[in-house]
Amino acid sequence: INNTWTFDEEGRFDVSRDNNKNTVYLNMVKVKPED
């Protein structure tokens, strides 16, 4: 039902889905070496 959660409190990661494409995405911005 499109409730989302990510571990990163800085908001660098975002998860989304496209049910028409059977696909889930993970968008990552401002990545760090520890990623």
All heavy atoms as atom14 arrays in JSON, in Angstrom:
{
  "sequence": "INNTWTFDEEGRFDVSRDNNKNTVYLNMVKVKPED",
  "atom14_mask": [
    [1, 1, 1, 1, 1, 1, 1, 1, 0, 0, 0, 0, 0, 0],
    [1, 1, 1, 1, 1, 1, 1, 1, 0, 0, 0, 0, 0, 0],
    [1, 1, 1, 1, 1, 1, 1, 1, 0, 0, 0, 0, 0, 0],
    [1, 1, 1, 1, 1, 1, 1, 0, 0, 0, 0, 0, 0, 0],
    [1, 1, 1, 1, 1, 1, 1, 1, 1, 1, 1, 1, 1, 1],
    [1, 1, 1, 1, 1, 1, 1, 0, 0, 0, 0, 0, 0, 0],
    [1, 1, 1, 1, 1, 1, 1, 1, 1, 1, 1, 0, 0, 0],
    [1, 1, 1, 1, 1, 1, 1, 1, 0, 0, 0, 0, 0, 0],
    [1, 1, 1, 1, 1, 1, 1, 1, 1, 0, 0, 0, 0, 0],
    [1, 1, 1, 1, 1, 1, 1, 1, 1, 0, 0, 0, 0, 0],
    [1, 1, 1, 1, 0, 0, 0, 0, 0, 0, 0, 0, 0, 0],
    [1, 1, 1, 1, 1, 1, 1, 1, 1, 1, 1, 0, 0, 0],
    [1, 1, 1, 1, 1, 1, 1, 1, 1, 1, 1, 0, 0, 0],
    [1, 1, 1, 1, 1, 1, 1, 1, 0, 0, 0, 0, 0, 0],
    [1, 1, 1, 1, 1, 1, 1, 0, 0, 0, 0, 0, 0, 0],
    [1, 1, 1, 1, 1, 1, 0, 0, 0, 0, 0, 0, 0, 0],
    [1, 1, 1, 1, 1, 1, 1, 1, 1, 1, 1, 0, 0, 0],
    [1, 1, 1, 1, 1, 1, 1, 1, 0, 0, 0, 0, 0, 0],
    [1, 1, 1, 1, 1, 1, 1, 1, 0, 0, 0, 0, 0, 0],
    [1, 1, 1, 1, 1, 1, 1, 1, 0, 0, 0, 0, 0, 0],
    [1, 1, 1, 1, 1, 1, 1, 1, 1, 0, 0, 0, 0, 0],
    [1, 1, 1, 1, 1, 1, 1, 1, 0, 0, 0, 0, 0, 0],
    [1, 1, 1, 1, 1, 1, 1, 0, 0, 0, 0, 0, 0, 0],
    [1, 1, 1, 1, 1, 1, 1, 0, 0, 0, 0, 0, 0, 0],
    [1, 1, 1, 1, 1, 1, 1, 1, 1, 1, 1, 1, 0, 0],
    [1, 1, 1, 1, 1, 1, 1, 1, 0, 0, 0, 0, 0, 0],
    [1, 1, 1, 1, 1, 1, 1, 1, 0, 0, 0, 0, 0, 0],
    [1, 1, 1, 1, 1, 1, 1, 1, 0, 0, 0, 0, 0, 0],
    [1, 1, 1, 1, 1, 1, 1, 0, 0, 0, 0, 0, 0, 0],
    [1, 1, 1, 1, 1, 1, 1, 1, 1, 0, 0, 0, 0, 0],
    [1, 1, 1, 1, 1, 1, 1, 0, 0, 0, 0, 0, 0, 0],
    [1, 1, 1, 1, 1, 1, 1, 1, 1, 0, 0, 0, 0, 0],
    [1, 1, 1, 1, 1, 1, 1, 0, 0, 0, 0, 0, 0, 0],
    [1, 1, 1, 1, 1, 1, 1, 1, 1, 0, 0, 0, 0, 0],
    [1, 1, 1, 1, 1, 1, 1, 1, 0, 0, 0, 0, 0, 0]
  ],
  "atom14_positions": [
    [[0.83, -1.21, 0.0], [0.0, 0.0, 0.0], [0.87, 1.26, 0.0], [0.44, 2.33, 0.43], [-1.0, 0.03, 1.17], [-0.27, -0.11, 2.51], [-2.03, -1.09, 1.02], [-1.18, 0.08, 3.73], [0.0, 0.0, 0.0], [0.0, 0.0, 0.0], [0.0, 0.0, 0.0], [0.0, 0.0, 0.0], [0.0, 0.0, 0.0], [0.0, 0.0, 0.0]],
    [[2.12, 1.08, -0.46], [3.04, 2.19, -0.68], [3.49, 2.93, 0.58], [3.88, 4.1, 0.5], [2.48, 3.19, -1.69], [2.54, 2.66, -3.11], [3.43, 1.89, -3.45], [1.6, 3.06, -3.93], [0.0, 0.0, 0.0], [0.0, 0.0, 0.0], [0.0, 0.0, 0.0], [0.0, 0.0, 0.0], [0.0, 0.0, 0.0], [0.0, 0.0, 0.0]],
    [[3.43, 2.26, 1.72], [4.12, 2.8, 2.89], [5.61, 2.55, 2.69], [6.02, 1.46, 2.3], [3.64, 2.13, 4.17], [2.22, 2.52, 4.52], [1.78, 3.63, 4.24], [1.48, 1.61, 5.12], [0.0, 0.0, 0.0], [0.0, 0.0, 0.0], [0.0, 0.0, 0.0], [0.0, 0.0, 0.0], [0.0, 0.0, 0.0], [0.0, 0.0, 0.0]],
    [[6.41, 3.56, 2.97], [7.84, 3.43, 2.74], [8.64, 3.69, 4.01], [8.18, 4.38, 4.93], [8.31, 4.41, 1.65], [8.06, 5.75, 2.07], [7.61, 4.15, 0.33], [0.0, 0.0, 0.0], [0.0, 0.0, 0.0], [0.0, 0.0, 0.0], [0.0, 0.0, 0.0], [0.0, 0.0, 0.0], [0.0, 0.0, 0.0], [0.0, 0.0, 0.0]],
    [[9.82, 3.13, 4.02], [10.77, 3.34, 5.12], [12.16, 3.24, 4.55], [12.43, 2.37, 3.7], [10.57, 2.29, 6.2], [11.61, 2.37, 7.29], [11.55, 3.1, 8.43], [12.88, 1.7, 7.32], [12.69, 2.93, 9.17], [13.53, 2.07, 8.51], [13.54, 0.83, 6.45], [14.79, 1.61, 8.86], [14.79, 0.36, 6.79], [15.41, 0.75, 7.98]],
    [[13.06, 4.09, 4.96], [14.47, 3.95, 4.62], [15.3, 4.14, 5.89], [14.87, 4.8, 6.83], [14.93, 4.99, 3.57], [14.77, 6.31, 4.1], [14.12, 4.85, 2.3], [0.0, 0.0, 0.0], [0.0, 0.0, 0.0], [0.0, 0.0, 0.0], [0.0, 0.0, 0.0], [0.0, 0.0, 0.0], [0.0, 0.0, 0.0], [0.0, 0.0, 0.0]],
    [[16.51, 3.56, 5.87], [17.32, 3.59, 7.07], [18.03, 4.93, 7.24], [18.41, 5.29, 8.34], [18.39, 2.49, 6.99], [19.65, 2.9, 6.27], [20.8, 3.2, 6.96], [19.66, 3.03, 4.88], [21.96, 3.59, 6.29], [20.8, 3.43, 4.2], [21.96, 3.7, 4.92], [0.0, 0.0, 0.0], [0.0, 0.0, 0.0], [0.0, 0.0, 0.0]],
    [[18.18, 5.67, 6.15], [19.03, 6.84, 6.16], [18.25, 8.07, 6.62], [17.34, 8.53, 5.93], [19.59, 7.07, 4.75], [20.51, 8.29, 4.7], [21.6, 8.2, 5.28], [20.14, 9.31, 4.09], [0.0, 0.0, 0.0], [0.0, 0.0, 0.0], [0.0, 0.0, 0.0], [0.0, 0.0, 0.0], [0.0, 0.0, 0.0], [0.0, 0.0, 0.0]],
    [[18.63, 8.61, 7.76], [17.91, 9.75, 8.33], [18.19, 11.06, 7.59], [17.47, 12.04, 7.8], [18.27, 9.89, 9.81], [17.82, 8.71, 10.64], [18.17, 8.85, 12.11], [18.95, 9.76, 12.44], [17.67, 8.06, 12.93], [0.0, 0.0, 0.0], [0.0, 0.0, 0.0], [0.0, 0.0, 0.0], [0.0, 0.0, 0.0], [0.0, 0.0, 0.0]],
    [[19.21, 11.06, 6.75], [19.51, 12.25, 5.97], [18.64, 12.35, 4.72], [18.7, 13.35, 4.0], [20.99, 12.24, 5.55], [21.96, 12.26, 6.72], [23.4, 12.17, 6.24], [23.76, 12.86, 5.28], [24.17, 11.37, 6.82], [0.0, 0.0, 0.0], [0.0, 0.0, 0.0], [0.0, 0.0, 0.0], [0.0, 0.0, 0.0], [0.0, 0.0, 0.0]],
    [[17.86, 11.35, 4.46], [16.98, 11.39, 3.3], [17.68, 11.18, 1.97], [17.18, 11.59, 0.93], [0.0, 0.0, 0.0], [0.0, 0.0, 0.0], [0.0, 0.0, 0.0], [0.0, 0.0, 0.0], [0.0, 0.0, 0.0], [0.0, 0.0, 0.0], [0.0, 0.0, 0.0], [0.0, 0.0, 0.0], [0.0, 0.0, 0.0], [0.0, 0.0, 0.0]],
    [[18.84, 10.53, 1.99], [19.59, 10.31, 0.76], [19.03, 9.18, -0.08], [19.3, 9.1, -1.28], [21.06, 10.03, 1.1], [21.76, 11.14, 1.84], [23.23, 10.8, 2.08], [23.38, 9.58, 2.86], [23.99, 8.48, 2.39], [24.51, 8.46, 1.17], [24.1, 7.4, 3.17], [0.0, 0.0, 0.0], [0.0, 0.0, 0.0], [0.0, 0.0, 0.0]],
    [[18.27, 8.29, 0.55], [17.75, 7.12, -0.15], [16.23, 7.25, -0.27], [15.56, 7.7, 0.65], [18.08, 5.84, 0.61], [19.53, 5.43, 0.54], [20.55, 6.36, 0.44], [19.87, 4.09, 0.61], [21.87, 5.98, 0.38], [21.19, 3.69, 0.55], [22.19, 4.62, 0.45], [0.0, 0.0, 0.0], [0.0, 0.0, 0.0], [0.0, 0.0, 0.0]],
    [[15.72, 6.8, -1.41], [14.28, 6.83, -1.64], [13.87, 5.56, -2.36], [14.54, 5.15, -3.32], [13.92, 8.05, -2.48], [12.44, 8.09, -2.81], [11.63, 8.2, -1.87], [12.11, 7.99, -4.01], [0.0, 0.0, 0.0], [0.0, 0.0, 0.0], [0.0, 0.0, 0.0], [0.0, 0.0, 0.0], [0.0, 0.0, 0.0], [0.0, 0.0, 0.0]],
    [[12.79, 4.94, -1.9], [12.31, 3.71, -2.53], [10.96, 3.99, -3.17], [10.12, 4.71, -2.6], [12.22, 2.56, -1.51], [11.29, 2.9, -0.35], [11.82, 1.26, -2.19], [0.0, 0.0, 0.0], [0.0, 0.0, 0.0], [0.0, 0.0, 0.0], [0.0, 0.0, 0.0], [0.0, 0.0, 0.0], [0.0, 0.0, 0.0], [0.0, 0.0, 0.0]],
    [[10.76, 3.43, -4.35], [9.5, 3.61, -5.05], [9.21, 2.36, -5.88], [10.08, 1.49, -6.02], [9.54, 4.85, -5.95], [10.56, 4.73, -6.93], [0.0, 0.0, 0.0], [0.0, 0.0, 0.0], [0.0, 0.0, 0.0], [0.0, 0.0, 0.0], [0.0, 0.0, 0.0], [0.0, 0.0, 0.0], [0.0, 0.0, 0.0], [0.0, 0.0, 0.0]],
    [[8.01, 2.27, -6.41], [7.65, 1.1, -7.21], [6.75, 1.51, -8.36], [6.04, 2.51, -8.28], [6.96, 0.05, -6.34], [5.61, 0.46, -5.78], [5.12, -0.52, -4.7], [4.96, -1.86, -5.22], [4.9, -2.95, -4.45], [5.01, -2.84, -3.13], [4.74, -4.14, -4.99], [0.0, 0.0, 0.0], [0.0, 0.0, 0.0], [0.0, 0.0, 0.0]],
    [[6.82, 0.72, -9.42], [5.93, 0.86, -10.56], [5.26, -0.5, -10.76], [5.87, -1.42, -11.32], [6.7, 1.29, -11.8], [5.81, 1.59, -12.99], [4.67, 1.08, -13.01], [6.25, 2.29, -13.91], [0.0, 0.0, 0.0], [0.0, 0.0, 0.0], [0.0, 0.0, 0.0], [0.0, 0.0, 0.0], [0.0, 0.0, 0.0], [0.0, 0.0, 0.0]],
    [[4.04, -0.62, -10.32], [3.36, -1.91, -10.4], [3.06, -2.31, -11.84], [2.93, -3.5, -12.14], [2.07, -1.87, -9.58], [2.34, -1.82, -8.09], [3.4, -2.23, -7.62], [1.37, -1.31, -7.34], [0.0, 0.0, 0.0], [0.0, 0.0, 0.0], [0.0, 0.0, 0.0], [0.0, 0.0, 0.0], [0.0, 0.0, 0.0], [0.0, 0.0, 0.0]],
    [[2.99, -1.35, -12.73], [2.75, -1.68, -14.14], [3.98, -2.35, -14.77], [3.85, -3.05, -15.78], [2.38, -0.43, -14.92], [1.01, 0.12, -14.53], [0.1, -0.66, -14.26], [0.89, 1.42, -14.49], [0.0, 0.0, 0.0], [0.0, 0.0, 0.0], [0.0, 0.0, 0.0], [0.0, 0.0, 0.0], [0.0, 0.0, 0.0], [0.0, 0.0, 0.0]],
    [[5.14, -2.1, -14.18], [6.39, -2.67, -14.7], [6.97, -3.74, -13.78], [8.08, -4.23, -14.02], [7.43, -1.56, -14.91], [7.03, -0.52, -15.95], [8.11, 0.53, -16.13], [7.74, 1.54, -17.2], [8.78, 2.57, -17.38], [0.0, 0.0, 0.0], [0.0, 0.0, 0.0], [0.0, 0.0, 0.0], [0.0, 0.0, 0.0], [0.0, 0.0, 0.0]],
    [[6.24, -4.09, -12.73], [6.74, -5.09, -11.77], [8.13, -4.72, -11.25], [8.99, -5.58, -11.06], [6.8, -6.48, -12.41], [5.45, -7.17, -12.44], [4.42, -6.51, -12.28], [5.44, -8.47, -12.67], [0.0, 0.0, 0.0], [0.0, 0.0, 0.0], [0.0, 0.0, 0.0], [0.0, 0.0, 0.0], [0.0, 0.0, 0.0], [0.0, 0.0, 0.0]],
    [[8.34, -3.45, -11.02], [9.67, -2.96, -10.69], [9.67, -2.11, -9.43], [8.77, -1.29, -9.22], [10.24, -2.13, -11.86], [10.27, -2.94, -13.05], [11.65, -1.64, -11.56], [0.0, 0.0, 0.0], [0.0, 0.0, 0.0], [0.0, 0.0, 0.0], [0.0, 0.0, 0.0], [0.0, 0.0, 0.0], [0.0, 0.0, 0.0], [0.0, 0.0, 0.0]],
    [[10.69, -2.32, -8.62], [10.94, -1.48, -7.46], [12.28, -0.79, -7.67], [13.2, -1.37, -8.25], [10.92, -2.3, -6.15], [12.02, -3.35, -6.13], [11.04, -1.38, -4.94], [0.0, 0.0, 0.0], [0.0, 0.0, 0.0], [0.0, 0.0, 0.0], [0.0, 0.0, 0.0], [0.0, 0.0, 0.0], [0.0, 0.0, 0.0], [0.0, 0.0, 0.0]],
    [[12.36, 0.45, -7.23], [13.55, 1.26, -7.43], [14.14, 1.69, -6.09], [13.41, 1.88, -5.11], [13.21, 2.52, -8.24], [12.58, 2.25, -9.57], [11.19, 2.32, -9.74], [13.36, 1.93, -10.68], [10.6, 2.09, -10.97], [12.77, 1.7, -11.92], [11.4, 1.77, -12.05], [10.82, 1.54, -13.27], [0.0, 0.0, 0.0], [0.0, 0.0, 0.0]],
    [[15.44, 1.88, -6.1], [16.13, 2.52, -4.98], [16.93, 3.67, -5.55], [17.89, 3.46, -6.29], [17.05, 1.55, -4.25], [17.77, 2.14, -3.04], [16.78, 2.44, -1.92], [18.85, 1.18, -2.53], [0.0, 0.0, 0.0], [0.0, 0.0, 0.0], [0.0, 0.0, 0.0], [0.0, 0.0, 0.0], [0.0, 0.0, 0.0], [0.0, 0.0, 0.0]],
    [[16.52, 4.88, -5.23], [17.24, 6.06, -5.66], [18.19, 6.48, -4.55], [17.79, 6.64, -3.4], [16.27, 7.19, -5.97], [15.45, 6.9, -7.22], [15.98, 6.88, -8.32], [14.17, 6.66, -7.05], [0.0, 0.0, 0.0], [0.0, 0.0, 0.0], [0.0, 0.0, 0.0], [0.0, 0.0, 0.0], [0.0, 0.0, 0.0], [0.0, 0.0, 0.0]],
    [[19.42, 6.69, -4.94], [20.46, 7.05, -3.98], [21.09, 8.36, -4.44], [21.53, 8.47, -5.58], [21.51, 5.95, -3.93], [20.93, 4.57, -3.65], [22.05, 3.21, -4.08], [23.44, 3.57, -3.03], [0.0, 0.0, 0.0], [0.0, 0.0, 0.0], [0.0, 0.0, 0.0], [0.0, 0.0, 0.0], [0.0, 0.0, 0.0], [0.0, 0.0, 0.0]],
    [[21.16, 9.32, -3.55], [21.81, 10.6, -3.86], [22.85, 10.89, -2.8], [22.83, 10.32, -1.71], [20.8, 11.76, -3.95], [19.76, 11.49, -5.04], [20.12, 12.02, -2.62], [0.0, 0.0, 0.0], [0.0, 0.0, 0.0], [0.0, 0.0, 0.0], [0.0, 0.0, 0.0], [0.0, 0.0, 0.0], [0.0, 0.0, 0.0], [0.0, 0.0, 0.0]],
    [[23.78, 11.78, -3.14], [24.85, 12.17, -2.2], [25.5, 10.93, -1.59], [25.69, 10.86, -0.37], [24.29, 13.1, -1.12], [23.69, 14.38, -1.67], [23.13, 15.25, -0.53], [22.5, 16.52, -1.08], [21.94, 17.37, 0.0], [0.0, 0.0, 0.0], [0.0, 0.0, 0.0], [0.0, 0.0, 0.0], [0.0, 0.0, 0.0], [0.0, 0.0, 0.0]],
    [[25.86, 10.0, -2.43], [26.4, 8.73, -1.92], [27.75, 8.94, -1.26], [28.49, 9.89, -1.57], [26.49, 7.68, -3.05], [25.1, 7.33, -3.55], [27.38, 8.15, -4.18], [0.0, 0.0, 0.0], [0.0, 0.0, 0.0], [0.0, 0.0, 0.0], [0.0, 0.0, 0.0], [0.0, 0.0, 0.0], [0.0, 0.0, 0.0], [0.0, 0.0, 0.0]],
    [[28.06, 8.03, -0.34], [29.28, 8.09, 0.44], [30.06, 6.79, 0.25], [29.46, 5.76, -0.1], [28.94, 8.27, 1.92], [28.08, 9.48, 2.23], [27.71, 9.5, 3.71], [26.81, 10.69, 4.04], [26.43, 10.69, 5.49], [0.0, 0.0, 0.0], [0.0, 0.0, 0.0], [0.0, 0.0, 0.0], [0.0, 0.0, 0.0], [0.0, 0.0, 0.0]],
    [[31.34, 6.8, 0.5], [32.11, 5.54, 0.38], [31.53, 4.43, 1.24], [31.6, 3.26, 0.84], [33.5, 5.97, 0.85], [33.59, 7.42, 0.49], [32.22, 7.97, 0.72], [0.0, 0.0, 0.0], [0.0, 0.0, 0.0], [0.0, 0.0, 0.0], [0.0, 0.0, 0.0], [0.0, 0.0, 0.0], [0.0, 0.0, 0.0], [0.0, 0.0, 0.0]],
    [[30.95, 4.78, 2.37], [30.37, 3.74, 3.24], [29.1, 3.13, 2.67], [28.57, 2.17, 3.22], [30.12, 4.27, 4.65], [29.35, 5.57, 4.71], [30.26, 6.77, 4.85], [31.3, 6.84, 4.14], [29.94, 7.67, 5.65], [0.0, 0.0, 0.0], [0.0, 0.0, 0.0], [0.0, 0.0, 0.0], [0.0, 0.0, 0.0], [0.0, 0.0, 0.0]],
    [[28.6, 3.67, 1.59], [27.46, 3.06, 0.9], [27.91, 1.91, -0.02], [27.06, 1.22, -0.6], [26.72, 4.09, 0.06], [26.05, 5.17, 0.91], [25.55, 4.83, 2.0], [26.05, 6.34, 0.49], [0.0, 0.0, 0.0], [0.0, 0.0, 0.0], [0.0, 0.0, 0.0], [0.0, 0.0, 0.0], [0.0, 0.0, 0.0], [0.0, 0.0, 0.0]]
  ]
}
